[in-house]
Amino acid sequence: MLRIQITILFILGLFTVGSAQAGFFDEVQKIVNPDTKEGKILSGATQVLSSAKDMDYPTELTIGESLALDSMQRFGKPVAKESLQQYVNLVGNAVAANSKRPSIPYRFVVLDSPVQNAFAVPGGIIFISKALVGIIGNEAELAAVLAHEVGHVAGKHAISTIRRTQFLSGVGTITAASMKGDKGKQYESMIGDMQSVLFDKGLDKGMEFEADSASMETLYRTGYDPRAMITVLKKLQKIEATSTKKGSWFSTHPPLDERIERLESQLAKYPNAASLATVPQRFAKRGK
């Protein structure tokens, strides 16, 4: 009975495998026979904990590519203007190189959508709508939006929303075998849940505040005026009353007043902000 109770605690996530619990975890494995029903349950629980903690980049990218295809069906196809796409990728990769996760490849896509929005999917694929680009006034503001989304990828925010899903039970890497039968159905269910979070409900407020803060820091490290993140939010604030809410930054992000207030409280960290780049002339050309 004691062993069953311990197993249930692991499954419910009430115990975590850290340095303090490592010795205890080893003892539990010793006393539970792996051939018993309880032992098999405990083995499954340790797989859940392991897969929840670690996910390799190819698996993350596979999930992201699935979401990317779905997002284009929902929000529109990429803008056909290749020079604009190249320009946005140049700016995006400049800030990504100065982010907290510069070691993975990033791709930036402008979608032909009338809704002001930008979002990131796992693996470093980042989208910004043509409508949002349309209210931006300089390159620093574009960089601010892209850096915010890079912050989500760097923090693995979307991935953290699915760590306890059934699909990841014992699946640290997506393979052909894991995409068949029940696992394939669980994968599709997981993608549907992530769509709901990213495109409808929005991420946790704390994650959005973290991405805002990361944006300012990344802008500063790249040489852009970090106040650009605030000016973008203030522009969105002016048009909020007359803009489409569903599927936009207004519906999937925390209140703009709160975000602006938090960012303004951090400006003291950047006393030379006014001397840094905004690059309005280059942005005005937008890849022409």
Protein backbone atom coordinates (compact mmCIF):
# COMPACT_ATOMS: atom_id res chain seq x y z
CA MET A 1 0.00 0.00 0.00
CA LEU A 2 2.81 2.42 0.87
CA ARG A 3 4.47 1.79 -2.47
CA ILE A 4 1.19 2.43 -4.31
CA GLN A 5 0.72 5.71 -2.44
CA ILE A 6 4.24 6.84 -3.35
CA THR A 7 3.59 5.95 -6.99
CA ILE A 8 0.39 8.01 -7.04
CA LEU A 9 2.26 10.98 -5.60
CA PHE A 10 4.75 10.79 -8.46
CA ILE A 11 1.97 10.59 -11.06
CA LEU A 12 0.18 13.61 -9.58
CA GLY A 13 3.39 15.62 -9.70
CA LEU A 14 3.56 16.12 -5.94
CA PHE A 15 7.14 14.90 -5.92
CA THR A 16 9.77 16.28 -8.27
CA VAL A 17 13.10 14.73 -9.13
CA GLY A 18 15.64 17.28 -8.01
CA SER A 19 18.87 17.13 -6.02
CA ALA A 20 17.00 17.01 -2.72
CA GLN A 21 14.77 14.13 -3.82
CA ALA A 22 17.29 12.15 -5.90
CA GLY A 23 18.31 9.87 -3.05
CA PHE A 24 14.72 9.25 -2.08
CA PHE A 25 13.82 8.48 -5.70
CA ASP A 26 16.63 5.93 -5.90
CA GLU A 27 15.36 4.24 -2.76
CA VAL A 28 11.83 4.07 -4.17
CA GLN A 29 13.11 2.38 -7.31
CA LYS A 30 14.99 -0.17 -5.21
CA ILE A 31 11.99 -1.23 -3.16
CA VAL A 32 9.54 -1.41 -6.06
CA ASN A 33 9.90 -4.51 -8.19
CA PRO A 34 9.80 -3.45 -11.87
CA ASP A 35 7.92 -6.64 -12.74
CA THR A 36 4.98 -5.78 -10.47
CA LYS A 37 1.98 -3.68 -11.46
CA GLU A 38 3.13 -0.92 -9.11
CA GLY A 39 6.62 -1.03 -10.57
CA LYS A 40 5.33 -0.60 -14.11
CA ILE A 41 3.21 2.36 -13.04
CA LEU A 42 6.18 3.98 -11.35
CA SER A 43 8.28 3.36 -14.46
CA GLY A 44 5.66 5.15 -16.52
CA ALA A 45 5.62 8.03 -14.04
CA THR A 46 9.36 8.52 -14.34
CA GLN A 47 9.01 8.62 -18.14
CA VAL A 48 6.42 11.38 -17.80
CA LEU A 49 8.71 13.38 -15.56
CA SER A 50 11.65 12.91 -17.90
CA SER A 51 9.77 13.80 -21.08
CA ALA A 52 8.20 16.80 -19.37
CA LYS A 53 11.62 18.13 -18.48
CA ASP A 54 13.46 17.45 -21.72
CA MET A 55 12.46 17.80 -25.36
CA ASP A 56 14.95 17.76 -28.19
CA TYR A 57 14.93 20.51 -30.81
CA PRO A 58 13.72 18.34 -33.75
CA THR A 59 10.67 17.38 -31.70
CA GLU A 60 10.02 20.99 -30.73
CA LEU A 61 10.31 22.02 -34.39
CA THR A 62 7.93 19.25 -35.51
CA ILE A 63 5.31 20.57 -33.10
CA GLY A 64 5.97 24.12 -34.29
CA GLU A 65 5.64 23.23 -37.96
CA SER A 66 2.27 21.58 -37.30
CA LEU A 67 1.08 24.74 -35.58
CA ALA A 68 2.55 26.92 -38.33
CA LEU A 69 0.47 25.19 -40.99
CA ASP A 70 -2.66 25.56 -38.89
CA SER A 71 -1.93 29.23 -38.21
CA MET A 72 -1.69 30.03 -41.91
CA GLN A 73 -5.06 28.38 -42.50
CA ARG A 74 -6.50 30.54 -39.75
CA PHE A 75 -4.79 33.90 -40.31
CA GLY A 76 -3.81 33.92 -43.98
CA LYS A 77 -0.95 33.06 -46.26
CA PRO A 78 2.47 34.76 -46.26
CA VAL A 79 2.64 38.12 -48.00
CA ALA A 80 3.92 37.58 -51.53
CA LYS A 81 6.43 40.45 -51.39
CA GLU A 82 9.75 38.65 -51.03
CA SER A 83 11.76 41.78 -50.24
CA LEU A 84 9.52 42.50 -47.23
CA GLN A 85 9.91 38.94 -45.97
CA GLN A 86 13.69 39.22 -46.31
CA TYR A 87 13.75 42.53 -44.47
CA VAL A 88 11.68 41.21 -41.56
CA ASN A 89 13.94 38.15 -41.36
CA LEU A 90 17.04 40.35 -41.22
CA VAL A 91 15.62 42.37 -38.33
CA GLY A 92 14.25 39.29 -36.61
CA ASN A 93 17.48 37.35 -36.78
CA ALA A 94 19.43 40.38 -35.51
CA VAL A 95 17.41 40.42 -32.29
CA ALA A 96 17.33 36.60 -32.06
CA ALA A 97 21.14 36.58 -32.07
CA ASN A 98 21.04 38.73 -28.91
CA SER A 99 18.27 36.80 -27.18
CA LYS A 100 18.53 34.26 -24.38
CA ARG A 101 18.34 31.45 -26.92
CA PRO A 102 20.46 32.37 -29.95
CA SER A 103 21.58 28.86 -30.83
CA ILE A 104 18.55 27.70 -32.84
CA PRO A 105 17.48 28.85 -36.33
CA TYR A 106 14.64 31.39 -36.44
CA ARG A 107 12.23 32.04 -39.29
CA PHE A 108 10.02 35.12 -39.52
CA VAL A 109 6.93 35.32 -41.69
CA VAL A 110 4.64 38.27 -42.52
CA LEU A 111 1.08 37.01 -42.95
CA ASP A 112 -1.46 38.70 -45.19
CA SER A 113 -3.92 39.26 -42.34
CA PRO A 114 -6.07 42.31 -41.45
CA VAL A 115 -5.84 41.50 -37.71
CA GLN A 116 -3.09 43.12 -35.63
CA ASN A 117 -1.24 40.12 -34.25
CA ALA A 118 2.11 38.43 -33.83
CA PHE A 119 2.80 35.03 -32.34
CA ALA A 120 5.49 32.39 -32.04
CA VAL A 121 5.27 28.62 -32.29
CA PRO A 122 7.84 26.18 -30.87
CA GLY A 123 11.04 25.75 -32.80
CA GLY A 124 11.58 29.42 -33.63
CA ILE A 125 8.90 30.08 -36.28
CA ILE A 126 7.50 33.57 -35.72
CA PHE A 127 4.60 35.30 -37.46
CA ILE A 128 3.58 38.94 -37.67
CA SER A 129 0.53 40.18 -39.50
CA LYS A 130 0.61 42.74 -42.30
CA ALA A 131 -1.88 44.77 -40.26
CA LEU A 132 0.48 45.00 -37.28
CA VAL A 133 3.39 45.96 -39.51
CA GLY A 134 1.12 48.69 -40.85
CA ILE A 135 0.85 50.54 -37.52
CA ILE A 136 4.56 50.33 -36.76
CA GLY A 137 6.59 53.47 -37.38
CA ASN A 138 10.24 52.45 -37.36
CA GLU A 139 12.62 49.50 -37.36
CA ALA A 140 13.07 49.53 -33.58
CA GLU A 141 9.34 49.00 -33.11
CA LEU A 142 9.36 46.11 -35.57
CA ALA A 143 12.34 44.66 -33.71
CA ALA A 144 10.45 45.07 -30.43
CA VAL A 145 7.51 42.97 -31.60
CA LEU A 146 9.79 40.29 -33.06
CA ALA A 147 11.97 40.27 -29.92
CA HIS A 148 8.85 39.77 -27.78
CA GLU A 149 7.99 36.67 -29.78
CA VAL A 150 11.59 35.45 -29.69
CA GLY A 151 11.29 35.79 -25.92
CA HIS A 152 8.44 33.27 -25.96
CA VAL A 153 10.55 30.81 -27.95
CA ALA A 154 13.58 31.36 -25.71
CA GLY A 155 11.46 30.75 -22.64
CA LYS A 156 9.79 27.71 -24.25
CA HIS A 157 6.48 29.15 -23.12
CA ALA A 158 4.26 27.28 -25.57
CA ILE A 159 6.02 24.00 -24.83
CA SER A 160 5.44 24.44 -21.11
CA THR A 161 1.69 24.50 -21.73
CA ILE A 162 1.73 20.90 -23.00
CA ARG A 163 4.23 19.25 -20.68
CA ARG A 164 1.58 17.32 -18.81
CA THR A 165 -0.43 16.22 -21.83
CA GLN A 166 -1.07 12.54 -22.41
CA PHE A 167 0.92 12.52 -25.65
CA LEU A 168 4.16 13.31 -23.85
CA SER A 169 3.79 10.37 -21.48
CA GLY A 170 6.99 8.52 -22.28
CA VAL A 171 7.57 10.41 -25.55
CA GLY A 172 10.63 12.65 -25.38
CA THR A 173 11.17 12.52 -29.14
CA ILE A 174 8.57 12.36 -31.89
CA THR A 175 9.23 9.41 -34.21
CA ALA A 176 7.24 7.63 -36.89
CA ALA A 177 6.24 5.05 -34.29
CA SER A 178 4.96 7.66 -31.86
CA MET A 179 2.70 9.17 -34.54
CA LYS A 180 0.70 5.98 -35.15
CA GLY A 181 -2.47 4.72 -33.53
CA ASP A 182 -3.44 6.18 -30.19
CA LYS A 183 -0.27 8.28 -29.96
CA GLY A 184 -1.10 9.90 -33.29
CA LYS A 185 -4.54 10.81 -31.99
CA GLN A 186 -3.01 12.18 -28.80
CA TYR A 187 -0.60 14.29 -30.88
CA GLU A 188 -3.47 15.82 -32.84
CA SER A 189 -5.31 16.51 -29.58
CA MET A 190 -2.20 18.20 -28.17
CA ILE A 191 -1.88 20.40 -31.28
CA GLY A 192 -5.54 21.37 -30.91
CA ASP A 193 -4.97 22.34 -27.28
CA MET A 194 -1.97 24.45 -28.22
CA GLN A 195 -3.93 26.17 -30.98
CA SER A 196 -6.54 27.15 -28.42
CA VAL A 197 -3.90 28.59 -26.10
CA LEU A 198 -1.85 30.44 -28.71
CA PHE A 199 -4.63 31.72 -30.96
CA ASP A 200 -7.64 32.09 -28.68
CA LYS A 201 -6.96 32.13 -24.95
CA GLY A 202 -3.40 33.44 -24.90
CA LEU A 203 -0.45 32.39 -22.79
CA ASP A 204 -0.16 32.92 -19.06
CA LYS A 205 0.12 36.59 -18.06
CA GLY A 206 3.45 35.95 -16.39
CA MET A 207 4.84 34.58 -19.65
CA GLU A 208 3.69 37.69 -21.53
CA PHE A 209 5.31 39.99 -18.99
CA GLU A 210 8.50 37.93 -19.22
CA ALA A 211 8.49 38.25 -23.03
CA ASP A 212 7.92 42.02 -22.76
CA SER A 213 10.88 42.38 -20.43
CA ALA A 214 13.00 40.13 -22.65
CA SER A 215 12.08 42.30 -25.63
CA MET A 216 13.42 45.45 -23.99
CA GLU A 217 16.63 43.74 -22.93
CA THR A 218 17.13 42.19 -26.38
CA LEU A 219 16.52 45.52 -28.11
CA TYR A 220 19.12 47.16 -25.90
CA ARG A 221 21.68 44.41 -26.53
CA THR A 222 21.09 44.72 -30.29
CA GLY A 223 21.49 48.50 -30.29
CA TYR A 224 17.85 49.52 -30.66
CA ASP A 225 16.05 51.96 -28.39
CA PRO A 226 14.40 49.70 -25.76
CA ARG A 227 11.53 52.19 -25.40
CA ALA A 228 10.26 50.94 -28.76
CA MET A 229 8.35 48.15 -27.03
CA ILE A 230 6.41 50.77 -25.08
CA THR A 231 5.67 52.92 -28.14
CA VAL A 232 4.26 49.89 -30.00
CA LEU A 233 1.94 49.10 -27.10
CA LYS A 234 0.79 52.72 -26.92
CA LYS A 235 -0.05 52.66 -30.64
CA LEU A 236 -2.08 49.52 -30.10
CA GLN A 237 -3.78 51.23 -27.17
CA LYS A 238 -4.96 54.07 -29.42
CA ILE A 239 -6.64 51.75 -31.91
CA GLU A 240 -7.90 49.11 -29.47
CA ALA A 241 -11.48 50.43 -29.32
CA THR A 242 -11.96 50.19 -33.10
CA SER A 243 -9.95 47.05 -33.83
CA THR A 244 -10.95 43.42 -34.25
CA LYS A 245 -10.45 41.66 -30.93
CA LYS A 246 -10.78 37.97 -31.82
CA GLY A 247 -7.42 36.41 -32.65
CA SER A 248 -5.53 39.68 -32.10
CA TRP A 249 -2.95 40.89 -29.58
CA PHE A 250 -5.88 42.46 -27.72
CA SER A 251 -7.52 39.09 -27.04
CA THR A 252 -4.42 36.97 -26.42
CA HIS A 253 -2.30 39.35 -24.31
CA PRO A 254 -2.74 41.04 -20.89
CA PRO A 255 -4.27 44.55 -20.64
CA LEU A 256 -2.12 47.14 -22.38
CA ASP A 257 -2.17 49.55 -19.41
CA GLU A 258 -0.61 46.95 -17.16
CA ARG A 259 2.03 45.98 -19.70
CA ILE A 260 3.03 49.58 -20.37
CA GLU A 261 3.25 50.37 -16.66
CA ARG A 262 5.50 47.40 -16.02
CA LEU A 263 7.83 48.29 -18.90
CA GLU A 264 8.06 51.94 -17.90
CA SER A 265 9.16 50.86 -14.43
CA GLN A 266 12.14 49.12 -16.04
CA LEU A 267 13.40 52.09 -18.06
CA ALA A 268 15.87 53.09 -15.37
CA LYS A 269 17.97 50.11 -16.47
CA TYR A 270 18.58 51.86 -19.82
CA PRO A 271 19.70 55.45 -19.08
CA ASN A 272 21.12 55.92 -22.59
CA ALA A 273 18.00 54.61 -24.36
CA ALA A 274 17.41 57.88 -26.23
CA SER A 275 20.79 57.61 -27.95
CA LEU A 276 20.09 54.20 -29.45
CA ALA A 277 18.79 53.39 -32.93
CA THR A 278 15.20 53.55 -34.20
CA VAL A 279 16.02 53.53 -37.97
CA PRO A 280 12.81 55.05 -39.39
CA GLN A 281 14.21 55.64 -42.88
CA ARG A 282 15.10 52.03 -43.55
CA PHE A 283 11.79 50.84 -42.15
CA ALA A 284 9.92 53.26 -44.43
CA LYS A 285 11.36 51.41 -47.44
CA ARG A 286 10.41 47.98 -45.98
CA GLY A 287 12.39 46.02 -48.49
CA LYS A 288 11.52 48.11 -51.55
